[in-house]
């Protein structure tokens, strides 16, 4: 299904899709709020900033989902006060439940990232994870990010899909689908059955919520066009991405309850291992454009 043509339709489909996806979102994507999750989030922040992050008094996360970035940054002591926005009330409800379970205080606001109901120059850090590619008007959004940041404040986005990396990722997905019957036989798992009741797939929206992919120059242009300085673009995940998408494509063909725990542990720890290989060997040597994810950091002029 093609992405909706109008900005209002894009916002509507993102709201409905993410409301439906919220209850099972953390399990689907392996989101963790313990030491592993904090390590992953801090690793991305360090990469984007080029070093250890300072202490941010007030942060604003756009498209915060269930709280993966903000709650881990609060838990790590990098952020003192966090405000989280999302266009999906369902996601914010899950975020509040996660925050209560972790005994963390967070402010939530249901809002469109392109029209934030927040005061000027309120935050030291504006951030997001896998959110920019959902937004219909990026120039308008970046102007809002600049407006709510204090002079000298930082904007940071991670997990944005690279155009070239996304095309490369199609290869392991196609390969996984070809070998899926043999894999299910080896795992002694039956083919996935249609699920009862409504779900995110039933809406047929999964292919409509992602509006765009990026080349590094796209993100640089939007940031500089809004008035940001010191724009930095980093590529992240190559081998880990191929491994992860191949495994997810295989698992999607089987009944979830029948996928052995030993396989899940192999897939999870293999992904973490290859993340380290990417970080230590490839991300420093290869151009950002070939990686699956792009990270952006920039500064509002003081």
C-alpha atoms as a PDB file:
ATOM      1  CA  UNK A   1       0.000   0.000   0.000  1.00  0.00           C
ATOM      2  CA  UNK A   2       1.367   3.438  -0.933  1.00  0.00           C
ATOM      3  CA  UNK A   3       1.864   6.051   1.754  1.00  0.00           C
ATOM      4  CA  UNK A   4      -1.063   8.453   2.131  1.00  0.00           C
ATOM      5  CA  UNK A   5      -0.733  11.501  -0.112  1.00  0.00           C
ATOM      6  CA  UNK A   6      -1.827  14.231   2.295  1.00  0.00           C
ATOM      7  CA  UNK A   7      -0.250  15.378   5.558  1.00  0.00           C
ATOM      8  CA  UNK A   8      -3.516  14.901   7.468  1.00  0.00           C
ATOM      9  CA  UNK A   9      -3.851  11.333   6.173  1.00  0.00           C
ATOM     10  CA  UNK A  10      -0.259  10.557   7.203  1.00  0.00           C
ATOM     11  CA  UNK A  11      -0.922  11.830  10.735  1.00  0.00           C
ATOM     12  CA  UNK A  12      -4.185   9.888  10.960  1.00  0.00           C
ATOM     13  CA  UNK A  13      -2.677   6.590   9.795  1.00  0.00           C
ATOM     14  CA  UNK A  14       0.257   6.968  12.195  1.00  0.00           C
ATOM     15  CA  UNK A  15      -2.087   7.620  15.115  1.00  0.00           C
ATOM     16  CA  UNK A  16      -4.290   4.607  14.376  1.00  0.00           C
ATOM     17  CA  UNK A  17      -1.422   2.241  13.644  1.00  0.00           C
ATOM     18  CA  UNK A  18       0.553   3.122  16.770  1.00  0.00           C
ATOM     19  CA  UNK A  19      -2.533   3.052  19.002  1.00  0.00           C
ATOM     20  CA  UNK A  20      -3.118  -0.533  17.866  1.00  0.00           C
ATOM     21  CA  UNK A  21       0.561  -1.488  18.115  1.00  0.00           C
ATOM     22  CA  UNK A  22       1.142  -0.036  21.606  1.00  0.00           C
ATOM     23  CA  UNK A  23       0.197  -3.029  23.839  1.00  0.00           C
ATOM     24  CA  UNK A  24       2.670  -5.405  22.194  1.00  0.00           C
ATOM     25  CA  UNK A  25       5.246  -2.883  21.006  1.00  0.00           C
ATOM     26  CA  UNK A  26       7.974  -3.531  23.598  1.00  0.00           C
ATOM     27  CA  UNK A  27       7.802  -7.299  23.118  1.00  0.00           C
ATOM     28  CA  UNK A  28       7.761  -7.030  19.311  1.00  0.00           C
ATOM     29  CA  UNK A  29      10.891  -4.870  19.174  1.00  0.00           C
ATOM     30  CA  UNK A  30      12.747  -6.297  22.175  1.00  0.00           C
ATOM     31  CA  UNK A  31      12.704  -2.990  24.060  1.00  0.00           C
ATOM     32  CA  UNK A  32      14.554  -3.198  27.356  1.00  0.00           C
ATOM     33  CA  UNK A  33      14.643  -0.809  30.317  1.00  0.00           C
ATOM     34  CA  UNK A  34      17.398  -2.571  32.240  1.00  0.00           C
ATOM     35  CA  UNK A  35      21.189  -2.451  31.847  1.00  0.00           C
ATOM     36  CA  UNK A  36      21.077  -3.698  28.240  1.00  0.00           C
ATOM     37  CA  UNK A  37      18.568  -1.049  27.167  1.00  0.00           C
ATOM     38  CA  UNK A  38      20.420   1.734  28.966  1.00  0.00           C
ATOM     39  CA  UNK A  39      23.669   0.612  27.359  1.00  0.00           C
ATOM     40  CA  UNK A  40      22.115   0.635  23.887  1.00  0.00           C
ATOM     41  CA  UNK A  41      20.580   4.089  24.308  1.00  0.00           C
ATOM     42  CA  UNK A  42      23.725   5.600  25.820  1.00  0.00           C
ATOM     43  CA  UNK A  43      25.790   4.046  23.036  1.00  0.00           C
ATOM     44  CA  UNK A  44      23.640   5.770  20.413  1.00  0.00           C
ATOM     45  CA  UNK A  45      23.802   9.100  22.258  1.00  0.00           C
ATOM     46  CA  UNK A  46      27.595   8.886  22.593  1.00  0.00           C
ATOM     47  CA  UNK A  47      27.931   8.106  18.888  1.00  0.00           C
ATOM     48  CA  UNK A  48      25.684  10.964  17.840  1.00  0.00           C
ATOM     49  CA  UNK A  49      27.419  13.498  20.105  1.00  0.00           C
ATOM     50  CA  UNK A  50      30.945  12.201  19.506  1.00  0.00           C
ATOM     51  CA  UNK A  51      31.634  11.610  23.205  1.00  0.00           C
ATOM     52  CA  UNK A  52      30.139  11.376  26.667  1.00  0.00           C
ATOM     53  CA  UNK A  53      26.843  13.253  26.998  1.00  0.00           C
ATOM     54  CA  UNK A  54      26.582  16.149  29.441  1.00  0.00           C
ATOM     55  CA  UNK A  55      23.820  16.332  32.048  1.00  0.00           C
ATOM     56  CA  UNK A  56      20.663  17.708  30.420  1.00  0.00           C
ATOM     57  CA  UNK A  57      18.294  19.394  32.830  1.00  0.00           C
ATOM     58  CA  UNK A  58      15.184  19.250  30.642  1.00  0.00           C
ATOM     59  CA  UNK A  59      14.612  17.014  27.614  1.00  0.00           C
ATOM     60  CA  UNK A  60      11.800  16.759  25.103  1.00  0.00           C
ATOM     61  CA  UNK A  61      11.310  13.546  23.129  1.00  0.00           C
ATOM     62  CA  UNK A  62       9.235  13.554  19.946  1.00  0.00           C
ATOM     63  CA  UNK A  63       7.445  10.363  18.957  1.00  0.00           C
ATOM     64  CA  UNK A  64       8.487   8.863  22.282  1.00  0.00           C
ATOM     65  CA  UNK A  65       6.473   5.656  21.837  1.00  0.00           C
ATOM     66  CA  UNK A  66       6.665   3.527  24.967  1.00  0.00           C
ATOM     67  CA  UNK A  67       9.601   5.490  26.380  1.00  0.00           C
ATOM     68  CA  UNK A  68      12.654   3.544  25.189  1.00  0.00           C
ATOM     69  CA  UNK A  69      14.959   6.565  24.959  1.00  0.00           C
ATOM     70  CA  UNK A  70      13.644   8.939  27.614  1.00  0.00           C
ATOM     71  CA  UNK A  71      13.100   6.372  30.355  1.00  0.00           C
ATOM     72  CA  UNK A  72      16.546   4.864  29.819  1.00  0.00           C
ATOM     73  CA  UNK A  73      18.158   8.313  29.837  1.00  0.00           C
ATOM     74  CA  UNK A  74      16.318   9.186  33.046  1.00  0.00           C
ATOM     75  CA  UNK A  75      17.417   5.900  34.588  1.00  0.00           C
ATOM     76  CA  UNK A  76      21.021   6.560  33.559  1.00  0.00           C
ATOM     77  CA  UNK A  77      20.988  10.046  35.084  1.00  0.00           C
ATOM     78  CA  UNK A  78      21.728  11.792  31.772  1.00  0.00           C
ATOM     79  CA  UNK A  79      18.395  13.664  31.903  1.00  0.00           C
ATOM     80  CA  UNK A  80      16.886  15.233  35.027  1.00  0.00           C
ATOM     81  CA  UNK A  81      13.377  16.093  33.753  1.00  0.00           C
ATOM     82  CA  UNK A  82      11.760  14.484  30.706  1.00  0.00           C
ATOM     83  CA  UNK A  83       8.762  15.518  28.644  1.00  0.00           C
ATOM     84  CA  UNK A  84       7.560  12.954  26.094  1.00  0.00           C
ATOM     85  CA  UNK A  85       5.217  13.643  23.199  1.00  0.00           C
ATOM     86  CA  UNK A  86       3.608  11.291  20.720  1.00  0.00           C
ATOM     87  CA  UNK A  87       0.769  11.591  18.251  1.00  0.00           C
ATOM     88  CA  UNK A  88      -0.578   8.271  19.614  1.00  0.00           C
ATOM     89  CA  UNK A  89      -2.428   8.352  22.964  1.00  0.00           C
ATOM     90  CA  UNK A  90      -2.084   4.570  23.108  1.00  0.00           C
ATOM     91  CA  UNK A  91       1.701   4.800  23.033  1.00  0.00           C
ATOM     92  CA  UNK A  92       1.713   7.456  25.753  1.00  0.00           C
ATOM     93  CA  UNK A  93      -0.487   5.252  27.934  1.00  0.00           C
ATOM     94  CA  UNK A  94       2.052   2.432  27.611  1.00  0.00           C
ATOM     95  CA  UNK A  95       4.875   4.882  28.328  1.00  0.00           C
ATOM     96  CA  UNK A  96       3.198   6.026  31.561  1.00  0.00           C
ATOM     97  CA  UNK A  97       2.758   2.390  32.617  1.00  0.00           C
ATOM     98  CA  UNK A  98       6.450   1.727  31.960  1.00  0.00           C
ATOM     99  CA  UNK A  99       7.459   4.848  33.894  1.00  0.00           C
ATOM    100  CA  UNK A 100       5.314   3.830  36.880  1.00  0.00           C
ATOM    101  CA  UNK A 101       6.835   0.342  36.875  1.00  0.00           C
ATOM    102  CA  UNK A 102      10.327   1.878  36.848  1.00  0.00           C
ATOM    103  CA  UNK A 103       9.383   4.502  39.475  1.00  0.00           C
ATOM    104  CA  UNK A 104      10.315   7.359  37.134  1.00  0.00           C
ATOM    105  CA  UNK A 105       8.559  10.725  36.767  1.00  0.00           C
ATOM    106  CA  UNK A 106       7.815  11.866  33.231  1.00  0.00           C
ATOM    107  CA  UNK A 107       5.458  14.402  31.649  1.00  0.00           C
ATOM    108  CA  UNK A 108       3.482  13.201  28.623  1.00  0.00           C
ATOM    109  CA  UNK A 109       1.778  15.341  25.988  1.00  0.00           C
ATOM    110  CA  UNK A 110      -0.257  14.047  23.045  1.00  0.00           C
ATOM    111  CA  UNK A 111       0.953  16.294  20.241  1.00  0.00           C
ATOM    112  CA  UNK A 112       1.984  16.559  16.608  1.00  0.00           C
ATOM    113  CA  UNK A 113       5.743  17.132  16.317  1.00  0.00           C
ATOM    114  CA  UNK A 114       5.074  19.828  13.717  1.00  0.00           C
ATOM    115  CA  UNK A 115       2.912  21.949  16.075  1.00  0.00           C
ATOM    116  CA  UNK A 116       4.137  21.548  19.645  1.00  0.00           C
ATOM    117  CA  UNK A 117       1.937  23.079  22.390  1.00  0.00           C
ATOM    118  CA  UNK A 118       5.040  23.977  24.398  1.00  0.00           C
ATOM    119  CA  UNK A 119       6.768  27.208  25.370  1.00  0.00           C
ATOM    120  CA  UNK A 120       9.714  28.705  23.509  1.00  0.00           C
ATOM    121  CA  UNK A 121      13.257  27.902  24.689  1.00  0.00           C
ATOM    122  CA  UNK A 122      12.135  25.467  27.389  1.00  0.00           C
ATOM    123  CA  UNK A 123      14.428  22.474  26.765  1.00  0.00           C
ATOM    124  CA  UNK A 124      18.149  21.728  26.772  1.00  0.00           C
ATOM    125  CA  UNK A 125      17.763  18.603  24.620  1.00  0.00           C
ATOM    126  CA  UNK A 126      15.252  17.722  21.894  1.00  0.00           C
ATOM    127  CA  UNK A 127      15.504  14.116  20.767  1.00  0.00           C
ATOM    128  CA  UNK A 128      13.751  11.271  19.021  1.00  0.00           C
ATOM    129  CA  UNK A 129      14.245   7.678  17.956  1.00  0.00           C
ATOM    130  CA  UNK A 130      12.854   6.419  14.626  1.00  0.00           C
ATOM    131  CA  UNK A 131      10.424   9.311  14.333  1.00  0.00           C
ATOM    132  CA  UNK A 132      11.526  11.721  11.582  1.00  0.00           C
ATOM    133  CA  UNK A 133      10.633   9.282   8.804  1.00  0.00           C
ATOM    134  CA  UNK A 134       6.987   9.369   9.971  1.00  0.00           C
ATOM    135  CA  UNK A 135       6.613  13.173   9.683  1.00  0.00           C
ATOM    136  CA  UNK A 136       4.991  14.701   6.584  1.00  0.00           C
ATOM    137  CA  UNK A 137       6.588  18.204   6.880  1.00  0.00           C
ATOM    138  CA  UNK A 138      10.158  18.030   8.132  1.00  0.00           C
ATOM    139  CA  UNK A 139      10.959  21.710   7.583  1.00  0.00           C
ATOM    140  CA  UNK A 140       8.052  22.696   9.817  1.00  0.00           C
ATOM    141  CA  UNK A 141       9.102  20.103  12.389  1.00  0.00           C
ATOM    142  CA  UNK A 142      12.725  21.270  12.542  1.00  0.00           C
ATOM    143  CA  UNK A 143      11.543  24.852  13.000  1.00  0.00           C
ATOM    144  CA  UNK A 144       9.566  23.649  16.031  1.00  0.00           C
ATOM    145  CA  UNK A 145      12.590  21.804  17.413  1.00  0.00           C
ATOM    146  CA  UNK A 146      14.629  25.012  17.173  1.00  0.00           C
ATOM    147  CA  UNK A 147      11.862  27.081  18.772  1.00  0.00           C
ATOM    148  CA  UNK A 148      11.508  24.981  21.938  1.00  0.00           C
ATOM    149  CA  UNK A 149      15.281  24.597  22.453  1.00  0.00           C
ATOM    150  CA  UNK A 150      17.234  26.957  24.644  1.00  0.00           C
ATOM    151  CA  UNK A 151      20.143  28.789  22.977  1.00  0.00           C
ATOM    152  CA  UNK A 152      23.071  26.402  22.851  1.00  0.00           C
ATOM    153  CA  UNK A 153      20.730  23.415  23.211  1.00  0.00           C
ATOM    154  CA  UNK A 154      21.157  20.086  21.425  1.00  0.00           C
ATOM    155  CA  UNK A 155      18.944  18.260  18.953  1.00  0.00           C
ATOM    156  CA  UNK A 156      19.565  14.521  18.551  1.00  0.00           C
ATOM    157  CA  UNK A 157      17.790  11.890  16.455  1.00  0.00           C
ATOM    158  CA  UNK A 158      18.656   8.204  16.083  1.00  0.00           C
ATOM    159  CA  UNK A 159      17.241   5.237  14.204  1.00  0.00           C
ATOM    160  CA  UNK A 160      16.313   7.065  10.995  1.00  0.00           C
ATOM    161  CA  UNK A 161      16.260   4.711   7.980  1.00  0.00           C
ATOM    162  CA  UNK A 162      18.962   5.188   5.378  1.00  0.00           C
ATOM    163  CA  UNK A 163      17.732   4.953   1.780  1.00  0.00           C
ATOM    164  CA  UNK A 164      20.647   2.810   0.614  1.00  0.00           C
ATOM    165  CA  UNK A 165      20.709   0.767   3.826  1.00  0.00           C
ATOM    166  CA  UNK A 166      16.994   0.058   3.515  1.00  0.00           C
ATOM    167  CA  UNK A 167      17.470  -1.291  -0.004  1.00  0.00           C
ATOM    168  CA  UNK A 168      20.371  -3.482   1.115  1.00  0.00           C
ATOM    169  CA  UNK A 169      18.236  -4.804   4.005  1.00  0.00           C
ATOM    170  CA  UNK A 170      15.750  -6.204   1.488  1.00  0.00           C
ATOM    171  CA  UNK A 171      18.255  -8.911   0.522  1.00  0.00           C
ATOM    172  CA  UNK A 172      18.328 -10.806   3.842  1.00  0.00           C
ATOM    173  CA  UNK A 173      14.539 -10.439   4.100  1.00  0.00           C
ATOM    174  CA  UNK A 174      14.031 -12.066   0.692  1.00  0.00           C
ATOM    175  CA  UNK A 175      16.541 -14.791   1.519  1.00  0.00           C
ATOM    176  CA  UNK A 176      14.765 -15.530   4.802  1.00  0.00           C
ATOM    177  CA  UNK A 177      11.413 -15.960   3.077  1.00  0.00           C
ATOM    178  CA  UNK A 178      12.930 -18.478   0.674  1.00  0.00           C
ATOM    179  CA  UNK A 179      14.324 -20.685   3.445  1.00  0.00           C
ATOM    180  CA  UNK A 180      11.423 -20.163   5.887  1.00  0.00           C
ATOM    181  CA  UNK A 181       9.720 -23.567   5.254  1.00  0.00           C
ATOM    182  CA  UNK A 182      12.966 -25.443   5.943  1.00  0.00           C
ATOM    183  CA  UNK A 183      13.638 -23.262   8.991  1.00  0.00           C
ATOM    184  CA  UNK A 184      10.183 -24.010  10.449  1.00  0.00           C
ATOM    185  CA  UNK A 185      10.777 -27.708   9.964  1.00  0.00           C
ATOM    186  CA  UNK A 186      14.097 -27.450  11.787  1.00  0.00           C
ATOM    187  CA  UNK A 187      12.467 -25.463  14.609  1.00  0.00           C
ATOM    188  CA  UNK A 188       9.468 -27.817  14.692  1.00  0.00           C
ATOM    189  CA  UNK A 189       7.204 -24.780  14.400  1.00  0.00           C
ATOM    190  CA  UNK A 190       3.997 -24.558  12.375  1.00  0.00           C
ATOM    191  CA  UNK A 191       3.234 -21.792   9.905  1.00  0.00           C
ATOM    192  CA  UNK A 192       1.751 -18.632  11.362  1.00  0.00           C
ATOM    193  CA  UNK A 193      -2.042 -18.656  11.541  1.00  0.00           C
ATOM    194  CA  UNK A 194      -4.297 -15.624  11.153  1.00  0.00           C
ATOM    195  CA  UNK A 195      -4.741 -13.959  14.542  1.00  0.00           C
ATOM    196  CA  UNK A 196      -8.175 -13.508  16.029  1.00  0.00           C
ATOM    197  CA  UNK A 197      -9.417 -10.010  16.670  1.00  0.00           C
ATOM    198  CA  UNK A 198      -8.149  -6.654  15.455  1.00  0.00           C
ATOM    199  CA  UNK A 199      -4.448  -5.934  15.373  1.00  0.00           C
ATOM    200  CA  UNK A 200      -1.986  -3.661  13.656  1.00  0.00           C
ATOM    201  CA  UNK A 201      -1.693  -5.992  10.649  1.00  0.00           C
ATOM    202  CA  UNK A 202      -5.489  -6.168  10.279  1.00  0.00           C
ATOM    203  CA  UNK A 203      -5.580  -2.465   9.639  1.00  0.00           C
ATOM    204  CA  UNK A 204      -3.256  -2.879   6.669  1.00  0.00           C
ATOM    205  CA  UNK A 205      -1.321   0.184   7.801  1.00  0.00           C
ATOM    206  CA  UNK A 206       2.184  -1.110   8.402  1.00  0.00           C
ATOM    207  CA  UNK A 207       3.413  -0.064   4.959  1.00  0.00           C
ATOM    208  CA  UNK A 208       1.777   3.368   5.234  1.00  0.00           C
ATOM    209  CA  UNK A 209       3.313   4.794   8.397  1.00  0.00           C
ATOM    210  CA  UNK A 210       6.840   5.159   7.000  1.00  0.00           C
ATOM    211  CA  UNK A 211       6.798   8.243   4.812  1.00  0.00           C
ATOM    212  CA  UNK A 212      10.426   8.401   3.687  1.00  0.00           C
ATOM    213  CA  UNK A 213      13.994   7.180   3.918  1.00  0.00           C
ATOM    214  CA  UNK A 214      17.030   9.447   3.993  1.00  0.00           C
ATOM    215  CA  UNK A 215      20.454  10.070   2.588  1.00  0.00           C
ATOM    216  CA  UNK A 216      22.720  11.978   5.000  1.00  0.00           C
ATOM    217  CA  UNK A 217      22.414  15.152   2.947  1.00  0.00           C
ATOM    218  CA  UNK A 218      18.633  15.203   3.536  1.00  0.00           C
ATOM    219  CA  UNK A 219      18.975  15.397   7.307  1.00  0.00           C
ATOM    220  CA  UNK A 220      21.770  17.966   7.062  1.00  0.00           C
ATOM    221  CA  UNK A 221      19.663  20.170   4.797  1.00  0.00           C
ATOM    222  CA  UNK A 222      16.625  20.153   7.098  1.00  0.00           C
ATOM    223  CA  UNK A 223      18.701  20.879  10.200  1.00  0.00           C
ATOM    224  CA  UNK A 224      20.726  23.697   8.655  1.00  0.00           C
ATOM    225  CA  UNK A 225      17.667  25.114   6.940  1.00  0.00           C
ATOM    226  CA  UNK A 226      16.001  25.573  10.340  1.00  0.00           C
ATOM    227  CA  UNK A 227      19.081  27.343  11.714  1.00  0.00           C
ATOM    228  CA  UNK A 228      21.019  24.597  13.508  1.00  0.00           C
ATOM    229  CA  UNK A 229      24.834  24.617  13.656  1.00  0.00           C
ATOM    230  CA  UNK A 230      27.458  21.888  14.076  1.00  0.00           C
ATOM    231  CA  UNK A 231      25.365  19.293  12.228  1.00  0.00           C
ATOM    232  CA  UNK A 232      26.787  15.767  12.581  1.00  0.00           C
ATOM    233  CA  UNK A 233      25.501  12.652  10.723  1.00  0.00           C
ATOM    234  CA  UNK A 234      26.614   9.123  11.692  1.00  0.00           C
ATOM    235  CA  UNK A 235      25.734   5.732  10.199  1.00  0.00           C
ATOM    236  CA  UNK A 236      24.799   2.812  12.462  1.00  0.00           C
ATOM    237  CA  UNK A 237      24.188  -0.941  12.023  1.00  0.00           C
ATOM    238  CA  UNK A 238      25.154  -2.939   8.973  1.00  0.00           C
ATOM    239  CA  UNK A 239      25.872  -6.572   9.866  1.00  0.00           C
ATOM    240  CA  UNK A 240      23.542  -6.385  12.871  1.00  0.00           C
ATOM    241  CA  UNK A 241      20.785  -5.094  10.638  1.00  0.00           C
ATOM    242  CA  UNK A 242      21.135  -7.905   8.079  1.00  0.00           C
ATOM    243  CA  UNK A 243      21.165 -10.483  10.862  1.00  0.00           C
ATOM    244  CA  UNK A 244      18.226  -8.918  12.690  1.00  0.00           C
ATOM    245  CA  UNK A 245      15.946  -8.524   9.668  1.00  0.00           C
ATOM    246  CA  UNK A 246      16.661 -12.053   8.436  1.00  0.00           C
ATOM    247  CA  UNK A 247      15.712 -13.469  11.839  1.00  0.00           C
ATOM    248  CA  UNK A 248      12.606 -11.317  12.181  1.00  0.00           C
ATOM    249  CA  UNK A 249      11.470 -12.348   8.696  1.00  0.00           C
ATOM    250  CA  UNK A 250      11.885 -16.020   9.631  1.00  0.00           C
ATOM    251  CA  UNK A 251      10.081 -15.634  12.955  1.00  0.00           C
ATOM    252  CA  UNK A 252       7.168 -13.814  11.324  1.00  0.00           C
ATOM    253  CA  UNK A 253       6.356 -16.936   9.289  1.00  0.00           C
ATOM    254  CA  UNK A 254       5.880 -19.157  12.383  1.00  0.00           C
ATOM    255  CA  UNK A 255       3.477 -19.291  15.291  1.00  0.00           C
ATOM    256  CA  UNK A 256       5.174 -17.106  17.951  1.00  0.00           C
ATOM    257  CA  UNK A 257       4.560 -19.553  20.805  1.00  0.00           C
ATOM    258  CA  UNK A 258       6.297 -22.336  18.869  1.00  0.00           C
ATOM    259  CA  UNK A 259       9.576 -20.513  18.197  1.00  0.00           C
ATOM    260  CA  UNK A 260      12.054 -22.158  20.616  1.00  0.00           C
ATOM    261  CA  UNK A 261      13.580 -20.046  23.372  1.00  0.00           C
ATOM    262  CA  UNK A 262      17.034 -21.278  22.335  1.00  0.00           C
ATOM    263  CA  UNK A 263      16.501 -19.675  18.914  1.00  0.00           C
ATOM    264  CA  UNK A 264      15.307 -16.421  20.478  1.00  0.00           C
ATOM    265  CA  UNK A 265      18.393 -16.289  22.689  1.00  0.00           C
ATOM    266  CA  UNK A 266      20.643 -16.965  19.702  1.00  0.00           C
ATOM    267  CA  UNK A 267      18.949 -14.208  17.673  1.00  0.00           C
ATOM    268  CA  UNK A 268      19.061 -11.705  20.538  1.00  0.00           C
ATOM    269  CA  UNK A 269      22.675 -12.244  21.584  1.00  0.00           C
ATOM    270  CA  UNK A 270      23.836 -12.567  17.987  1.00  0.00           C
ATOM    271  CA  UNK A 271      22.311  -9.184  17.230  1.00  0.00           C
ATOM    272  CA  UNK A 272      24.077  -7.576  20.220  1.00  0.00           C
ATOM    273  CA  UNK A 273      27.389  -9.153  19.182  1.00  0.00           C
ATOM    274  CA  UNK A 274      27.122  -7.850  15.623  1.00  0.00           C
ATOM    275  CA  UNK A 275      26.195  -4.397  16.922  1.00  0.00           C
ATOM    276  CA  UNK A 276      29.590  -4.388  18.627  1.00  0.00           C
ATOM    277  CA  UNK A 277      31.314  -5.531  15.426  1.00  0.00           C
ATOM    278  CA  UNK A 278      29.624  -2.700  13.541  1.00  0.00           C
ATOM    279  CA  UNK A 279      30.564  -0.179  16.222  1.00  0.00           C
ATOM    280  CA  UNK A 280      34.186  -1.223  16.628  1.00  0.00           C
ATOM    281  CA  UNK A 281      35.114  -2.031  13.035  1.00  0.00           C
ATOM    282  CA  UNK A 282      32.699  -0.706  10.417  1.00  0.00           C
ATOM    283  CA  UNK A 283      31.023   2.498  11.588  1.00  0.00           C
ATOM    284  CA  UNK A 284      34.346   4.323  11.817  1.00  0.00           C
ATOM    285  CA  UNK A 285      35.528   3.228   8.381  1.00  0.00           C
ATOM    286  CA  UNK A 286      32.555   3.118   6.018  1.00  0.00           C
ATOM    287  CA  UNK A 287      30.380   5.984   4.720  1.00  0.00           C
ATOM    288  CA  UNK A 288      27.163   6.646   6.714  1.00  0.00           C
ATOM    289  CA  UNK A 289      24.942   6.242   3.673  1.00  0.00           C
ATOM    290  CA  UNK A 290      25.343   2.431   3.463  1.00  0.00           C
ATOM    291  CA  UNK A 291      24.265   1.751   7.053  1.00  0.00           C
ATOM    292  CA  UNK A 292      20.676   0.929   7.923  1.00  0.00           C
ATOM    293  CA  UNK A 293      20.223   3.746  10.464  1.00  0.00           C
ATOM    294  CA  UNK A 294      21.334   7.364  10.473  1.00  0.00           C
ATOM    295  CA  UNK A 295      21.945   9.464  13.587  1.00  0.00           C
ATOM    296  CA  UNK A 296      21.813  13.250  13.639  1.00  0.00           C
ATOM    297  CA  UNK A 297      23.093  15.708  16.223  1.00  0.00           C
ATOM    298  CA  UNK A 298      23.187  19.496  15.957  1.00  0.00           C
ATOM    299  CA  UNK A 299      23.246  22.598  18.137  1.00  0.00           C
ATOM    300  CA  UNK A 300      21.074  25.705  18.373  1.00  0.00           C
ATOM    301  CA  UNK A 301      23.273  28.792  18.167  1.00  0.00           C
ATOM    302  CA  UNK A 302      23.954  30.303  21.581  1.00  0.00           C
END
